[in-house]
Amino acid sequence: MTKKVIVVLLHIGYWMMYFFLILLFLAIIAKGNLRSANLRGSAPMAIFCFAPALLGFYSFYGLLFNRYLHPQRVGTLLLAGIVTVLCCGAISLLLLWPYKGLASGRQLVVMWLVTSGMAAIHGIIAFVLKGFISWYGDIQLKEALNKKNYETSMALIKAQINPHFLFNTINNIDVLISKDAGKASLYLNKLSGIMRFMLYETRGEIIPLSREMAYIDQYIELQRIRSSHAGYVTYEVEGTPGNRMIAPMLFISYIENAFKHAEHKKAENAIRIRLQIEDDRLVFSCRNLYSVEAPVKQEHNGLGNELLQQRLELLYPGRHELDITREGGVYQVNLILRDA
């Protein structure tokens, strides 16, 4: 259902409710003396009931709300509102003027104040309704922007996954086929799993943590075959994922960055990745050694820390802590995700 349809239905519902309230009021006083109001007949009664209501409602709804509703224009809004309701009351009396029996003199002033009061009541209700519609529209716009932002960030992350990793992995598997066909098939299945995950399983806003962990494990295993010293990578997991859900591909940019820029790959634990699963939070850390003599800017595949931080703000607002340090030849990323 579109916003325009909702707005139309709200207006129709409001005036139908008001119409039935008028009928109920007339039914209650039907045994009374309607002549005391000096409004004989259905036409003047309809004008008296609906003219100030319509004028007040749509003057506030269409004019005053958009033009004067601002914290710095409260005084102007109040003055404009008083003038508007008095004008609505006066116009209503002019519409009633052709009918005989209309009050004059003192009663005319009283009726002017009554119709102005009716315009004021409906004007205030119009302000509330307009505010609700604007609030609802802002929520829809925010959701649309958030979704677009999320889709854009995910597309960037998928597009920026290091192509050299894919080419090198394929080449390594090709070489491995002649040496150990079974092992080559195993690694080929891991690569297939990575591609399937990136293309099909990251479309949702959240996925099972176990699936994200399987993706990380496959990625690390494929990285190991590119080095003769597999011990330069350490991947530790503490705790079990259970049924926990997580936004997809939150950790991979940091992990790929570590492999891309890590030096001393012949050293033990040149890259150390750790995921700690607790009852109410996830603690992720990724550390890699780099050359102090020739420092390399760590850019996370061109995504930059800013985009990654924006994605965390979007997905885990107020529920994450990100700390990145670079000191003494060690690049360290610590990320904490708390449950809602």
C-alpha atoms as a PDB file:
ATOM      1  CA  MET A   1       0.000   0.000   0.000  1.00  0.00           C
ATOM      2  CA  THR A   2       1.483   3.314  -1.123  1.00  0.00           C
ATOM      3  CA  LYS A   3       1.759   6.413   1.005  1.00  0.00           C
ATOM      4  CA  LYS A   4      -0.817   8.292  -1.122  1.00  0.00           C
ATOM      5  CA  VAL A   5      -3.397   5.559  -0.631  1.00  0.00           C
ATOM      6  CA  ILE A   6      -2.804   5.592   3.130  1.00  0.00           C
ATOM      7  CA  VAL A   7      -3.198   9.390   3.251  1.00  0.00           C
ATOM      8  CA  VAL A   8      -6.458   9.253   1.280  1.00  0.00           C
ATOM      9  CA  LEU A   9      -7.825   6.512   3.535  1.00  0.00           C
ATOM     10  CA  LEU A  10      -6.912   8.516   6.648  1.00  0.00           C
ATOM     11  CA  HIS A  11      -8.771  11.570   5.332  1.00  0.00           C
ATOM     12  CA  ILE A  12     -11.811   9.557   4.322  1.00  0.00           C
ATOM     13  CA  GLY A  13     -11.858   7.772   7.665  1.00  0.00           C
ATOM     14  CA  TYR A  14     -11.563  11.045   9.590  1.00  0.00           C
ATOM     15  CA  TRP A  15     -14.465  12.748   7.815  1.00  0.00           C
ATOM     16  CA  MET A  16     -16.640   9.644   7.998  1.00  0.00           C
ATOM     17  CA  MET A  17     -16.040   9.503  11.741  1.00  0.00           C
ATOM     18  CA  TYR A  18     -16.863  13.203  12.067  1.00  0.00           C
ATOM     19  CA  PHE A  19     -20.029  12.756  10.004  1.00  0.00           C
ATOM     20  CA  PHE A  20     -21.250   9.924  12.234  1.00  0.00           C
ATOM     21  CA  LEU A  21     -20.469  11.983  15.341  1.00  0.00           C
ATOM     22  CA  ILE A  22     -22.650  14.791  13.964  1.00  0.00           C
ATOM     23  CA  LEU A  23     -25.463  12.332  13.293  1.00  0.00           C
ATOM     24  CA  LEU A  24     -25.119  10.941  16.806  1.00  0.00           C
ATOM     25  CA  PHE A  25     -25.166  14.439  18.288  1.00  0.00           C
ATOM     26  CA  LEU A  26     -28.291  15.363  16.304  1.00  0.00           C
ATOM     27  CA  ALA A  27     -29.981  12.141  17.346  1.00  0.00           C
ATOM     28  CA  ILE A  28     -29.285  12.913  21.005  1.00  0.00           C
ATOM     29  CA  ILE A  29     -30.720  16.421  20.825  1.00  0.00           C
ATOM     30  CA  ALA A  30     -33.538  15.557  18.404  1.00  0.00           C
ATOM     31  CA  LYS A  31     -36.011  15.805  21.260  1.00  0.00           C
ATOM     32  CA  GLY A  32     -34.633  19.203  22.156  1.00  0.00           C
ATOM     33  CA  ASN A  33     -35.375  22.556  20.588  1.00  0.00           C
ATOM     34  CA  LEU A  34     -33.170  22.983  17.525  1.00  0.00           C
ATOM     35  CA  ARG A  35     -34.788  26.310  16.749  1.00  0.00           C
ATOM     36  CA  SER A  36     -32.843  27.940  19.552  1.00  0.00           C
ATOM     37  CA  ALA A  37     -29.752  27.768  17.360  1.00  0.00           C
ATOM     38  CA  ASN A  38     -31.589  29.724  14.634  1.00  0.00           C
ATOM     39  CA  LEU A  39     -30.422  27.208  12.039  1.00  0.00           C
ATOM     40  CA  ARG A  40     -33.577  25.795  10.413  1.00  0.00           C
ATOM     41  CA  GLY A  41     -33.205  23.236   7.659  1.00  0.00           C
ATOM     42  CA  SER A  42     -30.552  20.770   6.596  1.00  0.00           C
ATOM     43  CA  ALA A  43     -28.515  23.115   4.374  1.00  0.00           C
ATOM     44  CA  PRO A  44     -27.616  25.700   7.030  1.00  0.00           C
ATOM     45  CA  MET A  45     -27.013  22.904   9.562  1.00  0.00           C
ATOM     46  CA  ALA A  46     -24.607  21.198   7.149  1.00  0.00           C
ATOM     47  CA  ILE A  47     -22.806  24.496   6.505  1.00  0.00           C
ATOM     48  CA  PHE A  48     -22.577  25.212  10.213  1.00  0.00           C
ATOM     49  CA  CYS A  49     -21.166  21.743  10.963  1.00  0.00           C
ATOM     50  CA  PHE A  50     -18.818  21.242   8.028  1.00  0.00           C
ATOM     51  CA  ALA A  51     -17.736  24.638   6.673  1.00  0.00           C
ATOM     52  CA  PRO A  52     -15.554  25.679   9.651  1.00  0.00           C
ATOM     53  CA  ALA A  53     -14.338  22.085  10.048  1.00  0.00           C
ATOM     54  CA  LEU A  54     -13.179  21.783   6.440  1.00  0.00           C
ATOM     55  CA  LEU A  55     -11.748  25.303   6.288  1.00  0.00           C
ATOM     56  CA  GLY A  56      -9.861  24.931   9.562  1.00  0.00           C
ATOM     57  CA  PHE A  57      -8.614  21.426   8.864  1.00  0.00           C
ATOM     58  CA  TYR A  58      -7.175  22.054   5.419  1.00  0.00           C
ATOM     59  CA  SER A  59      -5.863  25.535   6.198  1.00  0.00           C
ATOM     60  CA  PHE A  60      -3.728  24.043   8.967  1.00  0.00           C
ATOM     61  CA  TYR A  61      -2.986  20.839   7.036  1.00  0.00           C
ATOM     62  CA  GLY A  62      -1.998  22.329   3.717  1.00  0.00           C
ATOM     63  CA  LEU A  63      -0.738  25.817   4.606  1.00  0.00           C
ATOM     64  CA  LEU A  64       0.338  26.409   8.197  1.00  0.00           C
ATOM     65  CA  PHE A  65       2.064  23.062   8.791  1.00  0.00           C
ATOM     66  CA  ASN A  66       4.492  23.333   5.891  1.00  0.00           C
ATOM     67  CA  ARG A  67       5.090  27.084   6.146  1.00  0.00           C
ATOM     68  CA  TYR A  68       5.302  27.826   9.864  1.00  0.00           C
ATOM     69  CA  LEU A  69       6.017  24.565  11.736  1.00  0.00           C
ATOM     70  CA  HIS A  70       9.555  25.264  12.900  1.00  0.00           C
ATOM     71  CA  PRO A  71      11.049  25.639  16.388  1.00  0.00           C
ATOM     72  CA  GLN A  72      12.141  29.190  15.584  1.00  0.00           C
ATOM     73  CA  ARG A  73       8.712  30.231  14.284  1.00  0.00           C
ATOM     74  CA  VAL A  74       6.440  29.177  17.126  1.00  0.00           C
ATOM     75  CA  GLY A  75       5.234  32.720  17.734  1.00  0.00           C
ATOM     76  CA  THR A  76       4.498  33.247  14.063  1.00  0.00           C
ATOM     77  CA  LEU A  77       2.687  29.904  13.933  1.00  0.00           C
ATOM     78  CA  LEU A  78       0.505  30.844  16.917  1.00  0.00           C
ATOM     79  CA  LEU A  79      -0.389  34.228  15.422  1.00  0.00           C
ATOM     80  CA  ALA A  80      -1.081  32.743  11.996  1.00  0.00           C
ATOM     81  CA  GLY A  81      -3.220  30.042  13.598  1.00  0.00           C
ATOM     82  CA  ILE A  82      -5.393  32.596  15.463  1.00  0.00           C
ATOM     83  CA  VAL A  83      -5.871  34.700  12.317  1.00  0.00           C
ATOM     84  CA  THR A  84      -6.678  31.595  10.285  1.00  0.00           C
ATOM     85  CA  VAL A  85      -9.370  30.256  12.633  1.00  0.00           C
ATOM     86  CA  LEU A  86     -11.009  33.700  12.896  1.00  0.00           C
ATOM     87  CA  CYS A  87     -11.065  33.959   9.102  1.00  0.00           C
ATOM     88  CA  CYS A  88     -12.510  30.444   8.840  1.00  0.00           C
ATOM     89  CA  GLY A  89     -15.238  31.417  11.301  1.00  0.00           C
ATOM     90  CA  ALA A  90     -16.020  34.577   9.359  1.00  0.00           C
ATOM     91  CA  ILE A  91     -16.206  32.707   6.032  1.00  0.00           C
ATOM     92  CA  SER A  92     -18.554  30.168   7.586  1.00  0.00           C
ATOM     93  CA  LEU A  93     -20.876  32.970   8.734  1.00  0.00           C
ATOM     94  CA  LEU A  94     -20.816  34.479   5.238  1.00  0.00           C
ATOM     95  CA  LEU A  95     -21.892  31.122   3.821  1.00  0.00           C
ATOM     96  CA  LEU A  96     -24.758  31.058   6.304  1.00  0.00           C
ATOM     97  CA  TRP A  97     -25.766  34.675   5.636  1.00  0.00           C
ATOM     98  CA  PRO A  98     -28.276  33.986   2.791  1.00  0.00           C
ATOM     99  CA  TYR A  99     -30.445  31.849   5.060  1.00  0.00           C
ATOM    100  CA  LYS A 100     -33.184  33.541   7.002  1.00  0.00           C
ATOM    101  CA  GLY A 101     -33.215  33.312  10.706  1.00  0.00           C
ATOM    102  CA  LEU A 102     -29.452  33.776  11.092  1.00  0.00           C
ATOM    103  CA  ALA A 103     -28.630  35.407  14.383  1.00  0.00           C
ATOM    104  CA  SER A 104     -27.603  39.030  14.435  1.00  0.00           C
ATOM    105  CA  GLY A 105     -25.787  41.341  16.809  1.00  0.00           C
ATOM    106  CA  ARG A 106     -24.558  39.666  19.948  1.00  0.00           C
ATOM    107  CA  GLN A 107     -25.596  36.178  18.843  1.00  0.00           C
ATOM    108  CA  LEU A 108     -23.680  36.709  15.607  1.00  0.00           C
ATOM    109  CA  VAL A 109     -20.488  37.318  17.588  1.00  0.00           C
ATOM    110  CA  VAL A 110     -21.171  34.199  19.627  1.00  0.00           C
ATOM    111  CA  MET A 111     -21.649  32.123  16.468  1.00  0.00           C
ATOM    112  CA  TRP A 112     -18.478  33.609  15.009  1.00  0.00           C
ATOM    113  CA  LEU A 113     -16.545  32.479  18.091  1.00  0.00           C
ATOM    114  CA  VAL A 114     -18.199  29.048  17.959  1.00  0.00           C
ATOM    115  CA  THR A 115     -17.355  28.477  14.292  1.00  0.00           C
ATOM    116  CA  SER A 116     -13.828  29.794  14.918  1.00  0.00           C
ATOM    117  CA  GLY A 117     -13.507  27.360  17.811  1.00  0.00           C
ATOM    118  CA  MET A 118     -14.635  24.501  15.573  1.00  0.00           C
ATOM    119  CA  ALA A 119     -12.039  25.540  12.988  1.00  0.00           C
ATOM    120  CA  ALA A 120      -9.371  25.621  15.708  1.00  0.00           C
ATOM    121  CA  ILE A 121     -10.235  22.115  16.931  1.00  0.00           C
ATOM    122  CA  HIS A 122     -10.102  20.636  13.458  1.00  0.00           C
ATOM    123  CA  GLY A 123      -6.951  22.592  12.709  1.00  0.00           C
ATOM    124  CA  ILE A 124      -5.191  21.084  15.725  1.00  0.00           C
ATOM    125  CA  ILE A 125      -6.351  17.606  14.662  1.00  0.00           C
ATOM    126  CA  ALA A 126      -5.034  18.340  11.159  1.00  0.00           C
ATOM    127  CA  PHE A 127      -1.653  19.229  12.672  1.00  0.00           C
ATOM    128  CA  VAL A 128      -1.561  15.899  14.509  1.00  0.00           C
ATOM    129  CA  LEU A 129      -2.596  13.951  11.407  1.00  0.00           C
ATOM    130  CA  LYS A 130      -0.097  15.773   9.207  1.00  0.00           C
ATOM    131  CA  GLY A 131       2.619  15.152  11.763  1.00  0.00           C
ATOM    132  CA  PHE A 132       1.801  11.435  11.791  1.00  0.00           C
ATOM    133  CA  ILE A 133       1.883  11.260   7.985  1.00  0.00           C
ATOM    134  CA  SER A 134       5.210  13.120   7.876  1.00  0.00           C
ATOM    135  CA  TRP A 135       6.637  10.829  10.563  1.00  0.00           C
ATOM    136  CA  TYR A 136       5.436   7.759   8.660  1.00  0.00           C
ATOM    137  CA  GLY A 137       6.931   9.128   5.450  1.00  0.00           C
ATOM    138  CA  ASP A 138      10.248   9.806   7.171  1.00  0.00           C
ATOM    139  CA  ILE A 139      10.327   6.224   8.468  1.00  0.00           C
ATOM    140  CA  GLN A 140       9.670   4.843   4.982  1.00  0.00           C
ATOM    141  CA  LEU A 141      12.339   7.102   3.503  1.00  0.00           C
ATOM    142  CA  LYS A 142      14.836   6.107   6.187  1.00  0.00           C
ATOM    143  CA  GLU A 143      14.123   2.422   5.612  1.00  0.00           C
ATOM    144  CA  ALA A 144      14.543   2.872   1.858  1.00  0.00           C
ATOM    145  CA  LEU A 145      17.824   4.742   2.316  1.00  0.00           C
ATOM    146  CA  ASN A 146      19.084   2.167   4.805  1.00  0.00           C
ATOM    147  CA  LYS A 147      18.220  -0.647   2.422  1.00  0.00           C
ATOM    148  CA  LYS A 148      19.912   1.140  -0.466  1.00  0.00           C
ATOM    149  CA  ASN A 149      22.953   1.850   1.668  1.00  0.00           C
ATOM    150  CA  TYR A 150      23.115  -1.769   2.770  1.00  0.00           C
ATOM    151  CA  GLU A 151      22.753  -3.081  -0.781  1.00  0.00           C
ATOM    152  CA  THR A 152      25.408  -0.665  -2.019  1.00  0.00           C
ATOM    153  CA  SER A 153      27.896  -1.597   0.691  1.00  0.00           C
ATOM    154  CA  MET A 154      27.313  -5.300   0.082  1.00  0.00           C
ATOM    155  CA  ALA A 155      27.789  -4.841  -3.664  1.00  0.00           C
ATOM    156  CA  LEU A 156      31.046  -3.010  -3.037  1.00  0.00           C
ATOM    157  CA  ILE A 157      32.301  -5.713  -0.697  1.00  0.00           C
ATOM    158  CA  LYS A 158      31.449  -8.455  -3.186  1.00  0.00           C
ATOM    159  CA  ALA A 159      32.969  -6.536  -6.093  1.00  0.00           C
ATOM    160  CA  GLN A 160      36.145  -5.756  -4.194  1.00  0.00           C
ATOM    161  CA  ILE A 161      36.989  -9.277  -3.019  1.00  0.00           C
ATOM    162  CA  ASN A 162      40.585  -9.566  -4.171  1.00  0.00           C
ATOM    163  CA  PRO A 163      40.549 -10.992  -7.723  1.00  0.00           C
ATOM    164  CA  HIS A 164      44.184 -12.016  -7.336  1.00  0.00           C
ATOM    165  CA  PHE A 165      43.080 -14.442  -4.635  1.00  0.00           C
ATOM    166  CA  LEU A 166      40.656 -16.097  -7.058  1.00  0.00           C
ATOM    167  CA  PHE A 167      43.141 -16.301  -9.923  1.00  0.00           C
ATOM    168  CA  ASN A 168      45.963 -17.571  -7.748  1.00  0.00           C
ATOM    169  CA  THR A 169      43.714 -20.134  -6.098  1.00  0.00           C
ATOM    170  CA  ILE A 170      42.566 -21.469  -9.454  1.00  0.00           C
ATOM    171  CA  ASN A 171      46.174 -21.691 -10.620  1.00  0.00           C
ATOM    172  CA  ASN A 172      47.214 -23.468  -7.425  1.00  0.00           C
ATOM    173  CA  ILE A 173      44.381 -25.972  -7.812  1.00  0.00           C
ATOM    174  CA  ASP A 174      45.373 -26.513 -11.422  1.00  0.00           C
ATOM    175  CA  VAL A 175      48.935 -27.354 -10.351  1.00  0.00           C
ATOM    176  CA  LEU A 176      47.646 -29.549  -7.537  1.00  0.00           C
ATOM    177  CA  ILE A 177      45.514 -31.631  -9.914  1.00  0.00           C
ATOM    178  CA  SER A 178      48.549 -33.393 -11.330  1.00  0.00           C
ATOM    179  CA  LYS A 179      50.032 -34.014  -7.877  1.00  0.00           C
ATOM    180  CA  ASP A 180      46.996 -34.880  -5.761  1.00  0.00           C
ATOM    181  CA  ALA A 181      43.697 -35.004  -7.614  1.00  0.00           C
ATOM    182  CA  GLY A 182      41.685 -35.755  -4.471  1.00  0.00           C
ATOM    183  CA  LYS A 183      43.103 -32.770  -2.632  1.00  0.00           C
ATOM    184  CA  ALA A 184      42.583 -30.558  -5.677  1.00  0.00           C
ATOM    185  CA  SER A 185      38.928 -31.626  -5.809  1.00  0.00           C
ATOM    186  CA  LEU A 186      38.541 -30.775  -2.116  1.00  0.00           C
ATOM    187  CA  TYR A 187      39.939 -27.285  -2.625  1.00  0.00           C
ATOM    188  CA  LEU A 188      37.842 -26.816  -5.739  1.00  0.00           C
ATOM    189  CA  ASN A 189      34.735 -27.580  -3.685  1.00  0.00           C
ATOM    190  CA  LYS A 190      35.831 -24.994  -1.129  1.00  0.00           C
ATOM    191  CA  LEU A 191      36.249 -22.391  -3.860  1.00  0.00           C
ATOM    192  CA  SER A 192      32.833 -23.308  -5.238  1.00  0.00           C
ATOM    193  CA  GLY A 193      31.381 -22.899  -1.744  1.00  0.00           C
ATOM    194  CA  ILE A 194      32.916 -19.432  -1.427  1.00  0.00           C
ATOM    195  CA  MET A 195      31.502 -18.304  -4.770  1.00  0.00           C
ATOM    196  CA  ARG A 196      28.076 -19.738  -3.958  1.00  0.00           C
ATOM    197  CA  PHE A 197      28.082 -17.972  -0.611  1.00  0.00           C
ATOM    198  CA  MET A 198      29.034 -14.606  -2.130  1.00  0.00           C
ATOM    199  CA  LEU A 199      26.538 -14.794  -4.989  1.00  0.00           C
ATOM    200  CA  TYR A 200      23.470 -16.354  -3.389  1.00  0.00           C
ATOM    201  CA  GLU A 201      23.638 -16.613   0.391  1.00  0.00           C
ATOM    202  CA  THR A 202      24.412 -12.977   1.241  1.00  0.00           C
ATOM    203  CA  ARG A 203      21.191 -11.520  -0.163  1.00  0.00           C
ATOM    204  CA  GLY A 204      19.435 -11.538   3.184  1.00  0.00           C
ATOM    205  CA  GLU A 205      20.125  -9.000   5.898  1.00  0.00           C
ATOM    206  CA  ILE A 206      21.147 -11.745   8.304  1.00  0.00           C
ATOM    207  CA  ILE A 207      22.425 -15.297   7.915  1.00  0.00           C
ATOM    208  CA  PRO A 208      23.346 -18.071  10.380  1.00  0.00           C
ATOM    209  CA  LEU A 209      26.654 -17.418  12.101  1.00  0.00           C
ATOM    210  CA  SER A 210      27.620 -21.008  11.356  1.00  0.00           C
ATOM    211  CA  ARG A 211      27.408 -20.276   7.622  1.00  0.00           C
ATOM    212  CA  GLU A 212      29.583 -17.182   7.968  1.00  0.00           C
ATOM    213  CA  MET A 213      32.131 -19.217   9.913  1.00  0.00           C
ATOM    214  CA  ALA A 214      32.144 -21.915   7.235  1.00  0.00           C
ATOM    215  CA  TYR A 215      32.852 -19.238   4.640  1.00  0.00           C
ATOM    216  CA  ILE A 216      35.778 -17.876   6.675  1.00  0.00           C
ATOM    217  CA  ASP A 217      37.145 -21.389   7.159  1.00  0.00           C
ATOM    218  CA  GLN A 218      36.975 -22.082   3.430  1.00  0.00           C
ATOM    219  CA  TYR A 219      38.689 -18.797   2.647  1.00  0.00           C
ATOM    220  CA  ILE A 220      41.546 -19.459   5.087  1.00  0.00           C
ATOM    221  CA  GLU A 221      42.025 -23.031   3.824  1.00  0.00           C
ATOM    222  CA  LEU A 222      42.339 -21.765   0.274  1.00  0.00           C
ATOM    223  CA  GLN A 223      44.872 -19.197   1.418  1.00  0.00           C
ATOM    224  CA  ARG A 224      46.954 -21.899   3.048  1.00  0.00           C
ATOM    225  CA  ILE A 225      47.616 -23.696  -0.234  1.00  0.00           C
ATOM    226  CA  ARG A 226      49.318 -20.542  -1.553  1.00  0.00           C
ATOM    227  CA  SER A 227      52.122 -20.869   0.993  1.00  0.00           C
ATOM    228  CA  SER A 228      54.577 -23.665   1.752  1.00  0.00           C
ATOM    229  CA  HIS A 229      54.351 -22.734   5.433  1.00  0.00           C
ATOM    230  CA  ALA A 230      50.689 -23.153   6.415  1.00  0.00           C
ATOM    231  CA  GLY A 231      51.512 -22.437  10.056  1.00  0.00           C
ATOM    232  CA  TYR A 232      51.818 -18.739   9.369  1.00  0.00           C
ATOM    233  CA  VAL A 233      48.016 -18.598   9.739  1.00  0.00           C
ATOM    234  CA  THR A 234      46.224 -19.327  12.991  1.00  0.00           C
ATOM    235  CA  TYR A 235      42.422 -19.419  13.134  1.00  0.00           C
ATOM    236  CA  GLU A 236      40.807 -20.007  16.516  1.00  0.00           C
ATOM    237  CA  VAL A 237      37.140 -20.258  17.463  1.00  0.00           C
ATOM    238  CA  GLU A 238      35.936 -20.298  21.042  1.00  0.00           C
ATOM    239  CA  GLY A 239      32.306 -21.199  21.655  1.00  0.00           C
ATOM    240  CA  THR A 240      29.605 -22.611  19.393  1.00  0.00           C
ATOM    241  CA  PRO A 241      27.420 -20.602  16.981  1.00  0.00           C
ATOM    242  CA  GLY A 242      24.208 -22.437  17.761  1.00  0.00           C
ATOM    243  CA  ASN A 243      21.233 -20.654  16.174  1.00  0.00           C
ATOM    244  CA  ARG A 244      22.814 -17.195  16.318  1.00  0.00           C
ATOM    245  CA  MET A 245      22.356 -14.927  13.289  1.00  0.00           C
ATOM    246  CA  ILE A 246      24.700 -12.258  11.939  1.00  0.00           C
ATOM    247  CA  ALA A 247      24.937  -9.795   9.071  1.00  0.00           C
ATOM    248  CA  PRO A 248      26.866 -11.435   6.214  1.00  0.00           C
ATOM    249  CA  MET A 249      30.483 -10.688   5.350  1.00  0.00           C
ATOM    250  CA  LEU A 250      31.269  -8.509   8.343  1.00  0.00           C
ATOM    251  CA  PHE A 251      34.696  -9.996   9.024  1.00  0.00           C
ATOM    252  CA  ILE A 252      35.990 -10.958   5.585  1.00  0.00           C
ATOM    253  CA  SER A 253      37.327  -7.510   4.619  1.00  0.00           C
ATOM    254  CA  TYR A 254      39.578  -7.463   7.668  1.00  0.00           C
ATOM    255  CA  ILE A 255      40.686 -11.055   7.088  1.00  0.00           C
ATOM    256  CA  GLU A 256      41.453 -10.521   3.413  1.00  0.00           C
ATOM    257  CA  ASN A 257      43.325  -7.343   4.309  1.00  0.00           C
ATOM    258  CA  ALA A 258      45.503  -9.328   6.704  1.00  0.00           C
ATOM    259  CA  PHE A 259      46.437 -11.828   4.013  1.00  0.00           C
ATOM    260  CA  LYS A 260      47.032  -9.094   1.480  1.00  0.00           C
ATOM    261  CA  HIS A 261      49.448  -7.056   3.579  1.00  0.00           C
ATOM    262  CA  ALA A 262      50.983  -9.575   5.931  1.00  0.00           C
ATOM    263  CA  GLU A 263      54.767  -9.801   5.885  1.00  0.00           C
ATOM    264  CA  HIS A 264      57.034 -12.493   7.325  1.00  0.00           C
ATOM    265  CA  LYS A 265      54.852 -15.271   5.936  1.00  0.00           C
ATOM    266  CA  LYS A 266      57.548 -17.759   6.866  1.00  0.00           C
ATOM    267  CA  ALA A 267      57.125 -16.783  10.517  1.00  0.00           C
ATOM    268  CA  GLU A 268      54.837 -18.704  12.835  1.00  0.00           C
ATOM    269  CA  ASN A 269      51.510 -16.942  13.470  1.00  0.00           C
ATOM    270  CA  ALA A 270      52.186 -14.108  11.027  1.00  0.00           C
ATOM    271  CA  ILE A 271      48.388 -13.903  10.776  1.00  0.00           C
ATOM    272  CA  ARG A 272      46.210 -14.685  13.758  1.00  0.00           C
ATOM    273  CA  ILE A 273      42.414 -14.685  13.556  1.00  0.00           C
ATOM    274  CA  ARG A 274      40.230 -15.336  16.569  1.00  0.00           C
ATOM    275  CA  LEU A 275      36.454 -15.476  17.035  1.00  0.00           C
ATOM    276  CA  GLN A 276      35.042 -15.682  20.537  1.00  0.00           C
ATOM    277  CA  ILE A 277      31.329 -16.544  20.806  1.00  0.00           C
ATOM    278  CA  GLU A 278      29.751 -15.540  24.105  1.00  0.00           C
ATOM    279  CA  ASP A 279      26.150 -15.549  25.308  1.00  0.00           C
ATOM    280  CA  ASP A 280      25.479 -11.885  24.536  1.00  0.00           C
ATOM    281  CA  ARG A 281      28.254 -10.843  22.160  1.00  0.00           C
ATOM    282  CA  LEU A 282      30.793 -11.816  19.507  1.00  0.00           C
ATOM    283  CA  VAL A 283      34.436 -10.835  19.822  1.00  0.00           C
ATOM    284  CA  PHE A 284      36.445 -10.871  16.592  1.00  0.00           C
ATOM    285  CA  SER A 285      40.149 -10.095  16.357  1.00  0.00           C
ATOM    286  CA  CYS A 286      42.505 -10.194  13.403  1.00  0.00           C
ATOM    287  CA  ARG A 287      46.228  -9.508  13.681  1.00  0.00           C
ATOM    288  CA  ASN A 288      48.911  -9.531  11.030  1.00  0.00           C
ATOM    289  CA  LEU A 289      52.595  -8.651  10.950  1.00  0.00           C
ATOM    290  CA  TYR A 290      53.828  -6.016   8.514  1.00  0.00           C
ATOM    291  CA  SER A 291      57.165  -4.594   7.544  1.00  0.00           C
ATOM    292  CA  VAL A 292      58.108  -1.512   9.546  1.00  0.00           C
ATOM    293  CA  GLU A 293      60.775  -0.533   7.019  1.00  0.00           C
ATOM    294  CA  ALA A 294      58.340  -0.501   4.118  1.00  0.00           C
ATOM    295  CA  PRO A 295      54.872   0.050   5.622  1.00  0.00           C
ATOM    296  CA  VAL A 296      51.935  -0.724   3.446  1.00  0.00           C
ATOM    297  CA  LYS A 297      48.684   1.194   3.740  1.00  0.00           C
ATOM    298  CA  GLN A 298      45.961  -1.191   4.788  1.00  0.00           C
ATOM    299  CA  GLU A 299      42.911  -0.273   2.718  1.00  0.00           C
ATOM    300  CA  HIS A 300      40.629  -3.294   2.959  1.00  0.00           C
ATOM    301  CA  ASN A 301      40.454  -3.789  -0.838  1.00  0.00           C
ATOM    302  CA  GLY A 302      39.772  -0.127  -1.463  1.00  0.00           C
ATOM    303  CA  LEU A 303      36.688  -0.115   0.723  1.00  0.00           C
ATOM    304  CA  GLY A 304      38.398   1.867   3.461  1.00  0.00           C
ATOM    305  CA  ASN A 305      37.648   1.953   7.154  1.00  0.00           C
ATOM    306  CA  GLU A 306      34.989   4.610   6.603  1.00  0.00           C
ATOM    307  CA  LEU A 307      32.673   2.389   4.547  1.00  0.00           C
ATOM    308  CA  LEU A 308      33.193  -0.548   6.869  1.00  0.00           C
ATOM    309  CA  GLN A 309      32.426   1.679   9.853  1.00  0.00           C
ATOM    310  CA  GLN A 310      29.280   3.004   8.136  1.00  0.00           C
ATOM    311  CA  ARG A 311      28.097  -0.525   7.538  1.00  0.00           C
ATOM    312  CA  LEU A 312      28.575  -1.373  11.203  1.00  0.00           C
ATOM    313  CA  GLU A 313      26.683   1.785  12.203  1.00  0.00           C
ATOM    314  CA  LEU A 314      23.842   0.778   9.920  1.00  0.00           C
ATOM    315  CA  LEU A 315      23.642  -2.855  10.977  1.00  0.00           C
ATOM    316  CA  TYR A 316      24.633  -2.619  14.656  1.00  0.00           C
ATOM    317  CA  PRO A 317      23.859   0.925  15.819  1.00  0.00           C
ATOM    318  CA  GLY A 318      25.040   1.363  19.401  1.00  0.00           C
ATOM    319  CA  ARG A 319      25.845  -2.357  19.595  1.00  0.00           C
ATOM    320  CA  HIS A 320      29.384  -2.571  18.291  1.00  0.00           C
ATOM    321  CA  GLU A 321      32.914  -1.555  19.203  1.00  0.00           C
ATOM    322  CA  LEU A 322      35.631  -1.298  16.566  1.00  0.00           C
ATOM    323  CA  ASP A 323      39.259  -0.685  17.497  1.00  0.00           C
ATOM    324  CA  ILE A 324      42.066  -0.667  14.924  1.00  0.00           C
ATOM    325  CA  THR A 325      45.697  -0.217  15.952  1.00  0.00           C
ATOM    326  CA  ARG A 326      48.953  -0.231  14.051  1.00  0.00           C
ATOM    327  CA  GLU A 327      52.079  -0.299  16.149  1.00  0.00           C
ATOM    328  CA  GLY A 328      55.445  -2.031  16.258  1.00  0.00           C
ATOM    329  CA  GLY A 329      54.958  -4.007  13.063  1.00  0.00           C
ATOM    330  CA  VAL A 330      51.573  -5.381  14.166  1.00  0.00           C
ATOM    331  CA  TYR A 331      48.250  -4.398  12.587  1.00  0.00           C
ATOM    332  CA  GLN A 332      45.378  -5.317  14.932  1.00  0.00           C
ATOM    333  CA  VAL A 333      41.600  -5.210  14.424  1.00  0.00           C
ATOM    334  CA  ASN A 334      39.261  -5.827  17.364  1.00  0.00           C
ATOM    335  CA  LEU A 335      35.520  -5.890  16.730  1.00  0.00           C
ATOM    336  CA  ILE A 336      32.834  -6.568  19.337  1.00  0.00           C
ATOM    337  CA  LEU A 337      29.193  -7.165  18.290  1.00  0.00           C
ATOM    338  CA  ARG A 338      26.589  -7.157  21.068  1.00  0.00           C
ATOM    339  CA  ASP A 339      23.173  -8.746  20.874  1.00  0.00           C
ATOM    340  CA  ALA A 340      20.114  -6.506  20.964  1.00  0.00           C
END
